[in-house]
């Protein structure tokens, strides 16, 4: 393993347009008085990711204007309307040539997953061949850690809103599950009811 093989980059998928939220981009939803994308990027940094790439799509210009994302690499996904798969492909492509041996992928709309759970997943990294995922009472969820050896295969199967799901299903035996139910809640912010319940 080379020195760079040990580098895990944070990859935040924050391009969604919030269709079920009346077209409110998820990155700009307010959480603790600031855009949600700020909180989510901060979680990756606080967990130990020294490099954080943030994939933007809906209202990308507004996110750049309103969100304070120091040190983050902002990646535009012009195909964001195709779904999460396109954002994952854009994010992994942006990491090529950076020397990262793995990507720790998180979703902007899961504020119940904080630095402690994310750091646990980071600790599961062993090599560019590593595949790991947070689990909640034994059920696989986010975030996920994708070793660089898998990126091409993941990009080839990431379509629509599937993200890495198809690839991870096909390689289930290789995934290290990291239990996080004691320190995180893996809910998504998808509807107006979710907003009222989970965001302050």
N, C-alpha and C. Protein backbone atom coordinates (compact mmCIF):
# COMPACT_ATOMS: atom_id res chain seq x y z
N UNK A 1 0.85 -1.18 0.00
CA UNK A 1 0.00 0.00 0.00
C UNK A 1 0.89 1.24 0.00
N UNK A 2 0.63 2.16 -0.93
CA UNK A 2 1.41 3.39 -0.97
C UNK A 2 0.83 4.38 0.03
N UNK A 3 1.54 5.48 0.23
CA UNK A 3 1.07 6.49 1.18
C UNK A 3 -0.31 7.01 0.79
N UNK A 4 -0.54 7.25 -0.51
CA UNK A 4 -1.81 7.81 -0.95
C UNK A 4 -2.95 6.82 -0.84
N UNK A 5 -2.65 5.51 -0.88
CA UNK A 5 -3.71 4.52 -0.78
C UNK A 5 -4.48 4.66 0.52
N UNK A 6 -3.86 5.28 1.52
CA UNK A 6 -4.51 5.44 2.81
C UNK A 6 -5.38 6.68 2.91
N UNK A 7 -5.36 7.53 1.88
CA UNK A 7 -6.14 8.77 1.91
C UNK A 7 -7.60 8.48 1.56
N UNK A 8 -8.48 8.83 2.44
CA UNK A 8 -9.92 8.69 2.19
C UNK A 8 -10.51 10.08 1.99
N UNK A 9 -11.08 10.30 0.83
CA UNK A 9 -11.72 11.59 0.53
C UNK A 9 -13.20 11.52 0.89
N UNK A 10 -13.72 12.60 1.45
CA UNK A 10 -15.15 12.69 1.67
C UNK A 10 -15.83 13.08 0.37
N UNK A 11 -16.95 12.45 0.06
CA UNK A 11 -17.70 12.76 -1.15
C UNK A 11 -19.16 12.97 -0.76
N UNK A 12 -19.60 14.22 -0.79
CA UNK A 12 -20.95 14.58 -0.38
C UNK A 12 -21.83 14.78 -1.61
N UNK A 13 -22.90 14.02 -1.70
CA UNK A 13 -23.84 14.15 -2.81
C UNK A 13 -24.93 15.13 -2.39
N UNK A 14 -24.92 16.32 -3.04
CA UNK A 14 -25.80 17.41 -2.61
C UNK A 14 -26.46 18.09 -3.81
N UNK A 15 -26.80 17.31 -4.83
CA UNK A 15 -27.28 17.90 -6.08
C UNK A 15 -28.80 17.88 -6.21
N UNK A 16 -29.49 17.19 -5.32
CA UNK A 16 -30.92 16.97 -5.50
C UNK A 16 -31.77 18.23 -5.49
N UNK A 17 -32.82 18.18 -6.31
CA UNK A 17 -33.71 19.34 -6.44
C UNK A 17 -34.87 19.35 -5.47
N UNK A 18 -35.02 18.30 -4.67
CA UNK A 18 -36.12 18.27 -3.69
C UNK A 18 -37.49 18.27 -4.34
N UNK A 19 -37.68 17.36 -5.31
CA UNK A 19 -38.96 17.28 -6.02
C UNK A 19 -40.14 17.17 -5.05
N UNK A 20 -40.01 16.27 -4.07
CA UNK A 20 -41.13 16.05 -3.13
C UNK A 20 -41.20 17.14 -2.07
N UNK A 21 -40.26 18.08 -2.11
CA UNK A 21 -40.28 19.21 -1.18
C UNK A 21 -40.72 20.48 -1.90
N UNK A 22 -41.41 20.30 -3.01
CA UNK A 22 -41.86 21.46 -3.77
C UNK A 22 -40.76 22.15 -4.53
N UNK A 23 -39.72 21.38 -4.87
CA UNK A 23 -38.62 21.94 -5.66
C UNK A 23 -37.63 22.76 -4.85
N UNK A 24 -37.53 22.47 -3.56
CA UNK A 24 -36.55 23.17 -2.72
C UNK A 24 -35.27 22.35 -2.69
N UNK A 25 -34.18 22.86 -3.27
CA UNK A 25 -32.93 22.09 -3.30
C UNK A 25 -32.49 21.70 -1.89
N UNK A 26 -32.16 20.43 -1.71
CA UNK A 26 -31.86 19.93 -0.37
C UNK A 26 -30.62 20.59 0.23
N UNK A 27 -29.66 20.94 -0.61
CA UNK A 27 -28.43 21.55 -0.10
C UNK A 27 -28.72 22.85 0.65
N UNK A 28 -29.80 23.54 0.26
CA UNK A 28 -30.10 24.84 0.84
C UNK A 28 -31.14 24.81 1.95
N UNK A 29 -31.66 23.62 2.29
CA UNK A 29 -32.57 23.53 3.44
C UNK A 29 -31.84 24.03 4.68
N UNK A 30 -32.56 24.71 5.55
CA UNK A 30 -31.90 25.30 6.71
C UNK A 30 -31.81 24.32 7.87
N UNK A 31 -30.63 24.19 8.43
CA UNK A 31 -30.39 23.32 9.58
C UNK A 31 -29.52 24.08 10.58
N UNK A 32 -30.07 24.30 11.78
CA UNK A 32 -29.35 25.07 12.80
C UNK A 32 -28.93 26.44 12.28
N UNK A 33 -29.81 27.04 11.46
CA UNK A 33 -29.59 28.39 10.99
C UNK A 33 -28.69 28.54 9.78
N UNK A 34 -28.20 27.42 9.22
CA UNK A 34 -27.30 27.48 8.07
C UNK A 34 -27.73 26.45 7.03
N UNK A 35 -27.27 26.60 5.76
CA UNK A 35 -27.63 25.61 4.75
C UNK A 35 -27.19 24.20 5.15
N UNK A 36 -28.04 23.23 4.88
CA UNK A 36 -27.78 21.85 5.26
C UNK A 36 -26.46 21.33 4.68
N UNK A 37 -26.09 21.80 3.49
CA UNK A 37 -24.85 21.34 2.86
C UNK A 37 -23.63 21.70 3.72
N UNK A 38 -23.69 22.81 4.42
CA UNK A 38 -22.58 23.20 5.31
C UNK A 38 -22.41 22.17 6.43
N UNK A 39 -23.54 21.80 7.03
CA UNK A 39 -23.49 20.84 8.12
C UNK A 39 -22.93 19.50 7.62
N UNK A 40 -23.44 19.03 6.48
CA UNK A 40 -23.04 17.73 5.96
C UNK A 40 -21.56 17.69 5.58
N UNK A 41 -21.06 18.77 4.99
CA UNK A 41 -19.63 18.83 4.65
C UNK A 41 -18.79 18.87 5.93
N UNK A 42 -19.28 19.58 6.94
CA UNK A 42 -18.58 19.65 8.21
C UNK A 42 -18.48 18.30 8.90
N UNK A 43 -19.52 17.47 8.75
CA UNK A 43 -19.50 16.13 9.33
C UNK A 43 -18.34 15.32 8.74
N UNK A 44 -18.17 15.40 7.42
CA UNK A 44 -17.07 14.66 6.78
C UNK A 44 -15.71 15.15 7.27
N UNK A 45 -15.58 16.47 7.38
CA UNK A 45 -14.30 17.02 7.88
C UNK A 45 -14.05 16.59 9.33
N UNK A 46 -15.10 16.72 10.17
CA UNK A 46 -14.95 16.39 11.59
C UNK A 46 -14.66 14.91 11.80
N UNK A 47 -15.11 14.09 10.86
CA UNK A 47 -14.87 12.65 10.97
C UNK A 47 -13.44 12.27 10.61
N UNK A 48 -12.73 13.19 9.93
CA UNK A 48 -11.33 12.93 9.60
C UNK A 48 -10.98 12.95 8.13
N UNK A 49 -11.94 13.31 7.27
CA UNK A 49 -11.64 13.41 5.84
C UNK A 49 -10.92 14.74 5.58
N UNK A 50 -9.67 14.68 5.13
CA UNK A 50 -8.91 15.91 4.90
C UNK A 50 -9.29 16.55 3.57
N UNK A 51 -9.82 15.76 2.65
CA UNK A 51 -10.27 16.28 1.35
C UNK A 51 -11.76 16.00 1.23
N UNK A 52 -12.55 17.02 0.91
CA UNK A 52 -14.00 16.85 0.76
C UNK A 52 -14.44 17.42 -0.57
N UNK A 53 -15.06 16.57 -1.39
CA UNK A 53 -15.65 17.01 -2.66
C UNK A 53 -17.17 17.03 -2.48
N UNK A 54 -17.79 18.12 -2.93
CA UNK A 54 -19.24 18.29 -2.80
C UNK A 54 -19.83 18.38 -4.19
N UNK A 55 -20.74 17.45 -4.52
CA UNK A 55 -21.37 17.45 -5.85
C UNK A 55 -22.64 18.28 -5.80
N UNK A 56 -22.69 19.32 -6.63
CA UNK A 56 -23.82 20.24 -6.69
C UNK A 56 -24.58 20.07 -7.99
N UNK A 57 -25.87 20.38 -7.95
CA UNK A 57 -26.69 20.30 -9.16
C UNK A 57 -27.75 21.37 -9.14
N UNK A 58 -28.90 21.07 -8.51
CA UNK A 58 -29.98 22.06 -8.41
C UNK A 58 -29.48 23.30 -7.68
N UNK A 59 -29.75 24.46 -8.27
CA UNK A 59 -29.40 25.75 -7.64
C UNK A 59 -27.93 25.82 -7.24
N UNK A 60 -27.05 25.28 -8.06
CA UNK A 60 -25.62 25.25 -7.72
C UNK A 60 -25.07 26.65 -7.47
N UNK A 61 -25.50 27.62 -8.27
CA UNK A 61 -25.00 28.98 -8.08
C UNK A 61 -25.42 29.55 -6.73
N UNK A 62 -26.66 29.27 -6.35
CA UNK A 62 -27.16 29.76 -5.06
C UNK A 62 -26.43 29.08 -3.90
N UNK A 63 -26.12 27.81 -4.06
CA UNK A 63 -25.37 27.10 -3.01
C UNK A 63 -24.00 27.74 -2.86
N UNK A 64 -23.34 28.01 -3.98
CA UNK A 64 -22.02 28.65 -3.92
C UNK A 64 -22.10 30.01 -3.21
N UNK A 65 -23.19 30.72 -3.46
CA UNK A 65 -23.34 32.07 -2.91
C UNK A 65 -23.65 32.05 -1.42
N UNK A 66 -24.48 31.09 -0.99
CA UNK A 66 -25.00 31.13 0.39
C UNK A 66 -24.23 30.24 1.37
N UNK A 67 -23.67 29.15 0.87
CA UNK A 67 -23.05 28.19 1.78
C UNK A 67 -21.56 28.48 1.97
N UNK A 68 -21.12 28.33 3.21
CA UNK A 68 -19.71 28.52 3.53
C UNK A 68 -19.05 27.13 3.54
N UNK A 69 -18.28 26.85 2.50
CA UNK A 69 -17.69 25.52 2.33
C UNK A 69 -16.17 25.63 2.15
N UNK A 70 -15.48 26.13 3.16
CA UNK A 70 -14.04 26.35 3.02
C UNK A 70 -13.28 25.05 2.81
N UNK A 71 -12.37 25.09 1.86
CA UNK A 71 -11.52 23.93 1.61
C UNK A 71 -12.17 22.81 0.82
N UNK A 72 -13.46 22.94 0.53
CA UNK A 72 -14.14 21.89 -0.24
C UNK A 72 -13.94 22.10 -1.74
N UNK A 73 -13.87 21.01 -2.47
CA UNK A 73 -13.86 21.06 -3.93
C UNK A 73 -15.31 20.92 -4.39
N UNK A 74 -15.82 21.94 -5.09
CA UNK A 74 -17.21 21.92 -5.54
C UNK A 74 -17.27 21.38 -6.96
N UNK A 75 -18.07 20.35 -7.14
CA UNK A 75 -18.15 19.62 -8.41
C UNK A 75 -19.54 19.82 -8.99
N UNK A 76 -19.63 20.37 -10.20
CA UNK A 76 -20.94 20.55 -10.83
C UNK A 76 -21.36 19.28 -11.55
N UNK A 77 -22.62 18.89 -11.35
CA UNK A 77 -23.20 17.77 -12.08
C UNK A 77 -24.32 18.30 -12.95
N UNK A 78 -24.03 18.59 -14.24
CA UNK A 78 -25.06 19.13 -15.11
C UNK A 78 -26.19 18.13 -15.38
N UNK A 79 -25.96 16.87 -15.06
CA UNK A 79 -26.98 15.83 -15.31
C UNK A 79 -27.70 15.44 -14.02
N UNK A 80 -27.74 16.35 -13.03
CA UNK A 80 -28.27 16.00 -11.72
C UNK A 80 -29.71 15.51 -11.77
N UNK A 81 -30.48 15.98 -12.75
CA UNK A 81 -31.90 15.58 -12.82
C UNK A 81 -32.06 14.09 -13.14
N UNK A 82 -31.00 13.45 -13.61
CA UNK A 82 -31.07 12.01 -13.89
C UNK A 82 -31.09 11.19 -12.60
N UNK A 83 -30.69 11.80 -11.49
CA UNK A 83 -30.74 11.08 -10.22
C UNK A 83 -29.37 10.93 -9.58
N UNK A 84 -29.37 10.24 -8.43
CA UNK A 84 -28.16 10.13 -7.61
C UNK A 84 -27.01 9.45 -8.35
N UNK A 85 -27.34 8.52 -9.25
CA UNK A 85 -26.28 7.82 -9.98
C UNK A 85 -25.36 8.76 -10.73
N UNK A 86 -25.93 9.78 -11.34
CA UNK A 86 -25.12 10.73 -12.11
C UNK A 86 -24.22 11.54 -11.18
N UNK A 87 -24.72 11.86 -9.98
CA UNK A 87 -23.90 12.61 -9.02
C UNK A 87 -22.76 11.76 -8.49
N UNK A 88 -23.02 10.48 -8.25
CA UNK A 88 -21.97 9.59 -7.78
C UNK A 88 -20.89 9.45 -8.86
N UNK A 89 -21.31 9.31 -10.10
CA UNK A 89 -20.33 9.21 -11.20
C UNK A 89 -19.49 10.48 -11.28
N UNK A 90 -20.14 11.65 -11.20
CA UNK A 90 -19.41 12.92 -11.28
C UNK A 90 -18.45 13.06 -10.12
N UNK A 91 -18.88 12.65 -8.93
CA UNK A 91 -18.03 12.77 -7.75
C UNK A 91 -16.81 11.86 -7.83
N UNK A 92 -17.02 10.61 -8.24
CA UNK A 92 -15.89 9.68 -8.35
C UNK A 92 -14.92 10.15 -9.43
N UNK A 93 -15.46 10.67 -10.52
CA UNK A 93 -14.60 11.18 -11.60
C UNK A 93 -13.75 12.33 -11.09
N UNK A 94 -14.32 13.17 -10.23
CA UNK A 94 -13.58 14.33 -9.71
C UNK A 94 -12.43 13.91 -8.80
N UNK A 95 -12.49 12.70 -8.28
CA UNK A 95 -11.45 12.21 -7.37
C UNK A 95 -10.30 11.53 -8.11
N UNK A 96 -10.52 11.24 -9.39
CA UNK A 96 -9.45 10.61 -10.15
C UNK A 96 -8.25 11.54 -10.22
N UNK A 97 -7.08 10.99 -9.98
CA UNK A 97 -5.87 11.79 -10.05
C UNK A 97 -5.54 12.54 -8.77
N UNK A 98 -6.38 12.41 -7.74
CA UNK A 98 -6.11 13.10 -6.47
C UNK A 98 -5.25 12.25 -5.55
N UNK A 99 -5.09 10.99 -5.88
CA UNK A 99 -4.34 10.09 -5.01
C UNK A 99 -5.18 9.43 -3.93
N UNK A 100 -6.48 9.72 -3.89
CA UNK A 100 -7.34 9.11 -2.87
C UNK A 100 -7.45 7.62 -3.10
N UNK A 101 -7.35 6.87 -2.00
CA UNK A 101 -7.48 5.43 -2.09
C UNK A 101 -8.90 4.95 -1.87
N UNK A 102 -9.77 5.85 -1.40
CA UNK A 102 -11.17 5.50 -1.16
C UNK A 102 -11.99 6.78 -1.07
N UNK A 103 -13.30 6.63 -1.28
CA UNK A 103 -14.24 7.74 -1.12
C UNK A 103 -15.25 7.36 -0.05
N UNK A 104 -15.44 8.25 0.92
CA UNK A 104 -16.47 8.07 1.93
C UNK A 104 -17.66 8.89 1.48
N UNK A 105 -18.71 8.22 1.02
CA UNK A 105 -19.83 8.87 0.36
C UNK A 105 -20.98 9.08 1.34
N UNK A 106 -21.41 10.34 1.46
CA UNK A 106 -22.56 10.64 2.31
C UNK A 106 -23.58 11.45 1.52
N UNK A 107 -24.80 11.49 2.05
CA UNK A 107 -25.92 12.18 1.39
C UNK A 107 -26.29 13.43 2.18
N UNK A 108 -26.58 14.51 1.46
CA UNK A 108 -26.82 15.79 2.13
C UNK A 108 -28.08 15.77 2.99
N UNK A 109 -29.02 14.87 2.70
CA UNK A 109 -30.32 14.92 3.38
C UNK A 109 -30.43 13.94 4.55
N UNK A 110 -29.28 13.61 5.18
CA UNK A 110 -29.31 12.71 6.33
C UNK A 110 -28.60 13.34 7.54
N UNK A 111 -29.18 14.43 8.09
CA UNK A 111 -28.51 15.13 9.19
C UNK A 111 -28.46 14.34 10.49
N UNK A 112 -29.15 13.22 10.55
CA UNK A 112 -29.09 12.39 11.75
C UNK A 112 -27.83 11.55 11.83
N UNK A 113 -27.02 11.59 10.77
CA UNK A 113 -25.76 10.85 10.74
C UNK A 113 -24.64 11.87 10.94
N UNK A 114 -24.00 11.82 12.10
CA UNK A 114 -23.00 12.82 12.44
C UNK A 114 -21.57 12.31 12.36
N UNK A 115 -20.63 13.07 12.90
CA UNK A 115 -19.21 12.73 12.79
C UNK A 115 -18.84 11.39 13.43
N UNK A 116 -19.53 11.01 14.52
CA UNK A 116 -19.13 9.78 15.21
C UNK A 116 -19.34 8.55 14.34
N UNK A 117 -20.52 8.45 13.74
CA UNK A 117 -20.80 7.31 12.86
C UNK A 117 -19.90 7.36 11.63
N UNK A 118 -19.69 8.55 11.09
CA UNK A 118 -18.87 8.70 9.89
C UNK A 118 -17.42 8.31 10.18
N UNK A 119 -16.93 8.68 11.35
CA UNK A 119 -15.56 8.31 11.73
C UNK A 119 -15.41 6.80 11.90
N UNK A 120 -16.45 6.14 12.38
CA UNK A 120 -16.42 4.68 12.49
C UNK A 120 -16.22 4.05 11.12
N UNK A 121 -16.92 4.59 10.14
CA UNK A 121 -16.80 4.04 8.80
C UNK A 121 -15.40 4.31 8.23
N UNK A 122 -14.90 5.50 8.48
CA UNK A 122 -13.56 5.87 8.03
C UNK A 122 -12.53 4.88 8.58
N UNK A 123 -12.73 4.45 9.81
CA UNK A 123 -11.79 3.54 10.45
C UNK A 123 -11.80 2.14 9.84
N UNK A 124 -12.84 1.84 9.05
CA UNK A 124 -12.92 0.52 8.40
C UNK A 124 -12.05 0.44 7.16
N UNK A 125 -11.49 1.58 6.73
CA UNK A 125 -10.67 1.58 5.52
C UNK A 125 -9.36 0.84 5.74
N UNK A 126 -9.05 -0.07 4.81
CA UNK A 126 -7.81 -0.84 4.88
C UNK A 126 -6.94 -0.66 3.65
N UNK A 127 -7.58 -0.56 2.47
CA UNK A 127 -6.83 -0.50 1.21
C UNK A 127 -7.79 -0.05 0.11
N UNK A 128 -7.28 0.18 -1.11
CA UNK A 128 -8.18 0.54 -2.22
C UNK A 128 -9.19 -0.55 -2.58
N UNK A 129 -9.04 -1.72 -1.99
CA UNK A 129 -10.00 -2.80 -2.24
C UNK A 129 -11.16 -2.81 -1.25
N UNK A 130 -11.11 -1.92 -0.25
CA UNK A 130 -12.12 -1.92 0.81
C UNK A 130 -13.50 -1.51 0.29
N UNK A 131 -14.52 -2.22 0.75
CA UNK A 131 -15.92 -1.80 0.62
C UNK A 131 -16.51 -1.87 2.02
N UNK A 132 -17.11 -0.79 2.49
CA UNK A 132 -17.71 -0.79 3.81
C UNK A 132 -18.95 0.08 3.81
N UNK A 133 -19.86 -0.20 4.73
CA UNK A 133 -21.09 0.58 4.82
C UNK A 133 -21.54 0.64 6.26
N UNK A 134 -22.12 1.77 6.63
CA UNK A 134 -22.76 1.86 7.94
C UNK A 134 -23.97 0.93 7.93
N UNK A 135 -24.24 0.34 9.08
CA UNK A 135 -25.44 -0.47 9.19
C UNK A 135 -26.21 -0.03 10.42
N UNK A 136 -27.51 -0.27 10.37
CA UNK A 136 -28.41 0.14 11.44
C UNK A 136 -29.22 -1.09 11.84
N UNK A 137 -28.84 -1.64 12.98
CA UNK A 137 -29.42 -2.91 13.46
C UNK A 137 -29.32 -3.97 12.37
N UNK A 138 -28.13 -4.01 11.76
CA UNK A 138 -27.82 -5.04 10.78
C UNK A 138 -28.22 -4.74 9.35
N UNK A 139 -28.93 -3.64 9.12
CA UNK A 139 -29.39 -3.30 7.77
C UNK A 139 -28.46 -2.26 7.16
N UNK A 140 -27.94 -2.55 5.97
CA UNK A 140 -26.98 -1.64 5.33
C UNK A 140 -27.61 -0.29 4.99
N UNK A 141 -26.82 0.79 5.24
CA UNK A 141 -27.30 2.13 4.93
C UNK A 141 -26.14 3.03 4.53
N UNK A 142 -26.28 4.32 4.81
CA UNK A 142 -25.24 5.30 4.51
C UNK A 142 -24.61 5.79 5.81
N UNK A 143 -23.40 6.32 5.72
CA UNK A 143 -22.58 6.48 4.51
C UNK A 143 -21.96 5.16 4.08
N UNK A 144 -21.32 5.20 2.91
CA UNK A 144 -20.61 4.03 2.40
C UNK A 144 -19.18 4.43 2.08
N UNK A 145 -18.27 3.47 2.19
CA UNK A 145 -16.87 3.71 1.89
C UNK A 145 -16.50 2.84 0.69
N UNK A 146 -16.06 3.49 -0.38
CA UNK A 146 -15.81 2.81 -1.65
C UNK A 146 -14.33 2.92 -2.00
N UNK A 147 -13.61 1.80 -1.89
CA UNK A 147 -12.21 1.79 -2.26
C UNK A 147 -12.03 2.06 -3.74
N UNK A 148 -10.91 2.70 -4.10
CA UNK A 148 -10.68 3.14 -5.48
C UNK A 148 -10.69 2.00 -6.49
N UNK A 149 -10.36 0.79 -6.04
CA UNK A 149 -10.39 -0.36 -6.96
C UNK A 149 -11.79 -0.61 -7.51
N UNK A 150 -12.80 -0.11 -6.83
CA UNK A 150 -14.19 -0.38 -7.21
C UNK A 150 -14.83 0.75 -8.01
N UNK A 151 -14.15 1.89 -8.12
CA UNK A 151 -14.81 3.07 -8.69
C UNK A 151 -15.30 2.85 -10.12
N UNK A 152 -14.49 2.23 -10.95
CA UNK A 152 -14.89 2.04 -12.36
C UNK A 152 -16.13 1.15 -12.43
N UNK A 153 -16.16 0.09 -11.64
CA UNK A 153 -17.33 -0.79 -11.64
C UNK A 153 -18.57 -0.11 -11.12
N UNK A 154 -18.40 0.72 -10.11
CA UNK A 154 -19.54 1.46 -9.55
C UNK A 154 -20.06 2.47 -10.57
N UNK A 155 -19.16 3.21 -11.20
CA UNK A 155 -19.57 4.21 -12.20
C UNK A 155 -20.33 3.56 -13.36
N UNK A 156 -19.94 2.34 -13.70
CA UNK A 156 -20.58 1.64 -14.84
C UNK A 156 -22.00 1.19 -14.50
N UNK A 157 -22.32 1.08 -13.22
CA UNK A 157 -23.64 0.57 -12.83
C UNK A 157 -24.50 1.62 -12.12
N UNK A 158 -23.96 2.82 -11.90
CA UNK A 158 -24.69 3.87 -11.18
C UNK A 158 -25.62 4.60 -12.13
N UNK A 159 -26.89 4.24 -12.13
CA UNK A 159 -27.86 4.88 -13.01
C UNK A 159 -29.09 5.30 -12.21
N UNK A 160 -29.82 6.28 -12.72
CA UNK A 160 -31.03 6.73 -12.05
C UNK A 160 -30.75 7.11 -10.61
N UNK A 161 -31.63 6.68 -9.71
CA UNK A 161 -31.45 6.99 -8.29
C UNK A 161 -30.78 5.84 -7.54
N UNK A 162 -30.16 4.93 -8.27
CA UNK A 162 -29.58 3.74 -7.64
C UNK A 162 -28.26 4.00 -6.95
N UNK A 163 -27.49 4.96 -7.41
CA UNK A 163 -26.17 5.17 -6.81
C UNK A 163 -25.34 3.90 -6.92
N UNK A 164 -24.73 3.51 -5.82
CA UNK A 164 -23.87 2.31 -5.81
C UNK A 164 -24.65 1.05 -5.46
N UNK A 165 -25.96 1.12 -5.34
CA UNK A 165 -26.75 0.01 -4.81
C UNK A 165 -26.54 -1.29 -5.58
N UNK A 166 -26.61 -1.22 -6.90
CA UNK A 166 -26.48 -2.44 -7.70
C UNK A 166 -25.10 -3.08 -7.52
N UNK A 167 -24.08 -2.24 -7.51
CA UNK A 167 -22.72 -2.76 -7.35
C UNK A 167 -22.54 -3.39 -5.97
N UNK A 168 -23.05 -2.71 -4.95
CA UNK A 168 -22.90 -3.23 -3.59
C UNK A 168 -23.68 -4.53 -3.41
N UNK A 169 -24.83 -4.62 -4.05
CA UNK A 169 -25.61 -5.85 -3.98
C UNK A 169 -24.84 -7.01 -4.60
N UNK A 170 -24.19 -6.72 -5.73
CA UNK A 170 -23.44 -7.77 -6.43
C UNK A 170 -22.17 -8.17 -5.68
N UNK A 171 -21.70 -7.30 -4.79
CA UNK A 171 -20.46 -7.56 -4.04
C UNK A 171 -20.72 -7.61 -2.53
N UNK A 172 -21.91 -8.09 -2.17
CA UNK A 172 -22.33 -8.06 -0.77
C UNK A 172 -21.35 -8.80 0.14
N UNK A 173 -20.76 -9.87 -0.37
CA UNK A 173 -19.86 -10.66 0.47
C UNK A 173 -18.58 -9.92 0.83
N UNK A 174 -18.25 -8.87 0.05
CA UNK A 174 -17.01 -8.14 0.28
C UNK A 174 -17.19 -6.92 1.18
N UNK A 175 -18.44 -6.63 1.58
CA UNK A 175 -18.72 -5.40 2.33
C UNK A 175 -18.55 -5.62 3.83
N UNK A 176 -17.78 -4.75 4.45
CA UNK A 176 -17.68 -4.71 5.91
C UNK A 176 -18.80 -3.82 6.43
N UNK A 177 -19.67 -4.38 7.26
CA UNK A 177 -20.75 -3.58 7.85
C UNK A 177 -20.29 -3.00 9.18
N UNK A 178 -20.53 -1.71 9.37
CA UNK A 178 -20.09 -1.01 10.59
C UNK A 178 -21.35 -0.53 11.31
N UNK A 179 -21.67 -1.16 12.43
CA UNK A 179 -22.91 -0.85 13.14
C UNK A 179 -22.86 0.57 13.72
N UNK A 180 -23.91 1.36 13.42
CA UNK A 180 -23.94 2.77 13.84
C UNK A 180 -25.26 3.18 14.50
N UNK A 181 -26.16 2.22 14.71
CA UNK A 181 -27.48 2.58 15.23
C UNK A 181 -27.41 3.23 16.61
N UNK A 182 -26.33 2.98 17.35
CA UNK A 182 -26.23 3.56 18.69
C UNK A 182 -25.82 5.02 18.67
N UNK A 183 -25.32 5.51 17.53
CA UNK A 183 -24.84 6.90 17.48
C UNK A 183 -25.45 7.72 16.34
N UNK A 184 -26.33 7.13 15.54
CA UNK A 184 -26.86 7.86 14.38
C UNK A 184 -28.27 7.40 14.05
N UNK A 185 -29.00 8.28 13.36
CA UNK A 185 -30.35 7.97 12.88
C UNK A 185 -30.36 8.19 11.37
N UNK A 186 -30.61 7.14 10.58
CA UNK A 186 -30.44 7.24 9.13
C UNK A 186 -31.67 7.70 8.35
N UNK A 187 -32.43 8.65 8.90
CA UNK A 187 -33.61 9.12 8.17
C UNK A 187 -33.19 10.05 7.02
N UNK A 188 -34.07 10.13 6.01
CA UNK A 188 -33.88 11.05 4.88
C UNK A 188 -34.87 12.21 5.03
N UNK A 189 -34.46 13.37 4.51
CA UNK A 189 -35.39 14.51 4.42
C UNK A 189 -35.96 14.50 3.00
N UNK A 190 -37.16 13.92 2.86
CA UNK A 190 -37.74 13.79 1.52
C UNK A 190 -39.05 14.56 1.35
N UNK A 191 -39.77 14.77 2.43
CA UNK A 191 -41.10 15.39 2.34
C UNK A 191 -41.22 16.56 3.30
N UNK A 192 -42.30 17.32 3.15
CA UNK A 192 -42.53 18.45 4.05
C UNK A 192 -42.67 17.98 5.49
N UNK A 193 -43.25 16.79 5.69
CA UNK A 193 -43.39 16.25 7.04
C UNK A 193 -42.01 15.95 7.63
N UNK A 194 -41.10 15.45 6.80
CA UNK A 194 -39.74 15.18 7.27
C UNK A 194 -39.07 16.49 7.71
N UNK A 195 -39.31 17.53 6.93
CA UNK A 195 -38.72 18.84 7.26
C UNK A 195 -39.15 19.28 8.65
N UNK A 196 -40.46 19.20 8.88
CA UNK A 196 -40.99 19.65 10.16
C UNK A 196 -40.48 18.80 11.30
N UNK A 197 -40.25 17.51 11.03
CA UNK A 197 -39.84 16.59 12.09
C UNK A 197 -38.37 16.71 12.43
N UNK A 198 -37.52 16.89 11.41
CA UNK A 198 -36.10 16.70 11.61
C UNK A 198 -35.22 17.95 11.54
N UNK A 199 -35.68 18.99 10.88
CA UNK A 199 -34.84 20.16 10.73
C UNK A 199 -35.30 21.28 11.64
N UNK A 200 -34.35 21.96 12.27
CA UNK A 200 -34.68 23.11 13.10
C UNK A 200 -33.92 24.32 12.57
